[in-house]
Amino acid sequence: MTRSRAQDPNVCGVTAAIAVIDGKWKTALLWPLESGPRRPGEMLRLLPGLTEKVLTQALREMEADGLVHREVHNVRPLKTVYSLTAFGRDLCEALAPLSDWGHRRLDKMAGVGDESLSGRTS
């Protein structure tokens, strides 16, 4: 999905929302930011496998979408801190039920013989 679809007024709201959170790391970055401001190095430690380049790109996109606020403190060395905006907190609140649904789905998948998953009845 292209980022321009997030701004196209003719797409459905779900498509516009997914365009904002599209990618492997954006939703993963929302959760630690939900508990308070974080420095980039801290987020890298919290999310193994995330590279500095991908973190920087995701945070820039999230900032452009109004989800995070970037604050640079003029000290040596420079200290950058990211926090959720009110809009970003709204997104976290909206994603919570989707996350719950996803966990229920994973629980169902763990019980592979479950009738409700296969759609068959005996």
Protein backbone atom coordinates (compact mmCIF):
# COMPACT_ATOMS: atom_id res chain seq x y z
CA MET A 1 0.00 0.00 0.00
CA THR A 2 1.40 3.39 -0.85
CA ARG A 3 1.67 6.16 1.71
CA SER A 4 -0.34 8.45 -0.57
CA ARG A 5 -3.40 6.25 0.05
CA ALA A 6 -3.34 7.40 3.68
CA GLN A 7 -4.22 10.89 2.44
CA ASP A 8 -6.64 10.00 -0.35
CA PRO A 9 -10.13 11.17 0.75
CA ASN A 10 -11.74 8.63 -1.58
CA VAL A 11 -10.50 5.50 0.19
CA CYS A 12 -12.31 3.76 3.01
CA GLY A 13 -11.34 4.75 6.54
CA VAL A 14 -9.88 1.34 7.33
CA THR A 15 -7.61 1.56 4.28
CA ALA A 16 -6.46 5.03 5.36
CA ALA A 17 -5.76 3.77 8.88
CA ILE A 18 -3.86 0.71 7.67
CA ALA A 19 -1.73 2.90 5.41
CA VAL A 20 -0.57 4.76 8.53
CA ILE A 21 0.35 1.61 10.50
CA ASP A 22 1.53 -0.43 7.52
CA GLY A 23 4.83 -2.20 8.00
CA LYS A 24 6.39 -4.58 10.46
CA TRP A 25 7.52 -2.11 13.12
CA LYS A 26 5.04 0.75 13.45
CA THR A 27 2.54 -1.01 15.68
CA ALA A 28 5.41 -2.52 17.67
CA LEU A 29 6.76 1.01 18.21
CA LEU A 30 3.40 2.32 19.42
CA TRP A 31 3.27 0.03 22.46
CA PRO A 32 6.49 1.18 24.21
CA LEU A 33 5.67 4.81 23.41
CA GLU A 34 2.28 4.33 25.01
CA SER A 35 3.94 4.06 28.44
CA GLY A 36 5.89 7.29 27.99
CA PRO A 37 8.59 9.12 26.04
CA ARG A 38 11.45 7.00 24.71
CA ARG A 39 14.87 7.61 23.25
CA PRO A 40 15.75 5.81 19.98
CA GLY A 41 18.42 3.63 21.62
CA GLU A 42 15.92 2.47 24.19
CA MET A 43 13.44 1.48 21.46
CA LEU A 44 16.18 -0.44 19.64
CA ARG A 45 16.90 -2.41 22.82
CA LEU A 46 13.20 -3.11 23.42
CA LEU A 47 12.63 -4.42 19.89
CA PRO A 48 15.29 -6.96 18.89
CA GLY A 49 15.70 -7.19 15.13
CA LEU A 50 14.84 -3.54 14.54
CA THR A 51 17.67 -1.68 12.84
CA GLU A 52 18.58 1.96 13.38
CA LYS A 53 17.80 2.75 9.74
CA VAL A 54 14.32 1.20 9.87
CA LEU A 55 13.63 2.82 13.25
CA THR A 56 14.54 6.25 11.88
CA GLN A 57 12.39 5.76 8.78
CA ALA A 58 9.38 4.49 10.75
CA LEU A 59 9.62 7.32 13.30
CA ARG A 60 9.88 9.93 10.54
CA GLU A 61 6.76 8.54 8.85
CA MET A 62 4.92 8.36 12.17
CA GLU A 63 5.91 11.96 12.90
CA ALA A 64 4.70 13.05 9.44
CA ASP A 65 1.39 11.26 10.13
CA GLY A 66 1.00 13.11 13.42
CA LEU A 67 1.38 10.03 15.63
CA VAL A 68 4.61 10.91 17.41
CA HIS A 69 6.33 14.06 18.56
CA ARG A 70 10.10 14.39 18.21
CA GLU A 71 11.87 16.57 20.72
CA VAL A 72 15.58 17.36 20.42
CA HIS A 73 17.30 18.62 23.56
CA ASN A 74 20.24 20.90 22.81
CA VAL A 75 22.80 19.18 25.01
CA ARG A 76 26.02 17.42 24.07
CA PRO A 77 25.58 14.79 22.82
CA LEU A 78 22.20 15.69 21.33
CA LYS A 79 19.33 13.96 23.08
CA THR A 80 16.30 13.03 20.99
CA VAL A 81 13.10 11.85 22.66
CA TYR A 82 9.94 10.56 20.98
CA SER A 83 6.49 10.57 22.52
CA LEU A 84 2.96 9.87 21.34
CA THR A 85 0.77 12.76 20.34
CA ALA A 86 -2.90 12.83 21.33
CA PHE A 87 -3.63 11.50 17.83
CA GLY A 88 -1.15 8.66 18.41
CA ARG A 89 -2.80 7.81 21.74
CA ASP A 90 -6.17 7.74 19.94
CA LEU A 91 -4.70 5.24 17.48
CA CYS A 92 -3.42 3.02 20.32
CA GLU A 93 -6.88 3.09 21.86
CA ALA A 94 -8.44 2.15 18.52
CA LEU A 95 -5.95 -0.69 17.97
CA ALA A 96 -6.46 -2.29 21.40
CA PRO A 97 -9.64 -4.20 20.39
CA LEU A 98 -7.94 -5.31 17.16
CA SER A 99 -5.00 -6.59 19.21
CA ASP A 100 -7.39 -8.49 21.48
CA TRP A 101 -9.06 -10.04 18.42
CA GLY A 102 -5.66 -11.04 17.05
CA HIS A 103 -4.73 -12.78 20.31
CA ARG A 104 -8.06 -14.66 20.30
CA ARG A 105 -7.35 -15.74 16.72
CA LEU A 106 -3.91 -17.01 17.71
CA ASP A 107 -5.45 -18.93 20.61
CA LYS A 108 -7.94 -20.53 18.22
CA MET A 109 -5.16 -21.44 15.81
CA ALA A 110 -3.26 -23.14 18.65
CA GLY A 111 -6.25 -25.47 19.04
CA VAL A 112 -6.07 -26.70 15.43
CA GLY A 113 -8.77 -29.35 15.97
CA ASP A 114 -11.25 -26.65 17.07
CA GLU A 115 -14.53 -26.95 15.15
CA SER A 116 -15.10 -23.21 15.08
CA LEU A 117 -11.80 -22.69 13.24
CA SER A 118 -12.43 -25.27 10.54
CA GLY A 119 -16.04 -24.25 10.03
CA ARG A 120 -17.16 -27.90 10.24
CA THR A 121 -19.75 -29.26 12.59
CA SER A 122 -19.97 -32.90 13.60
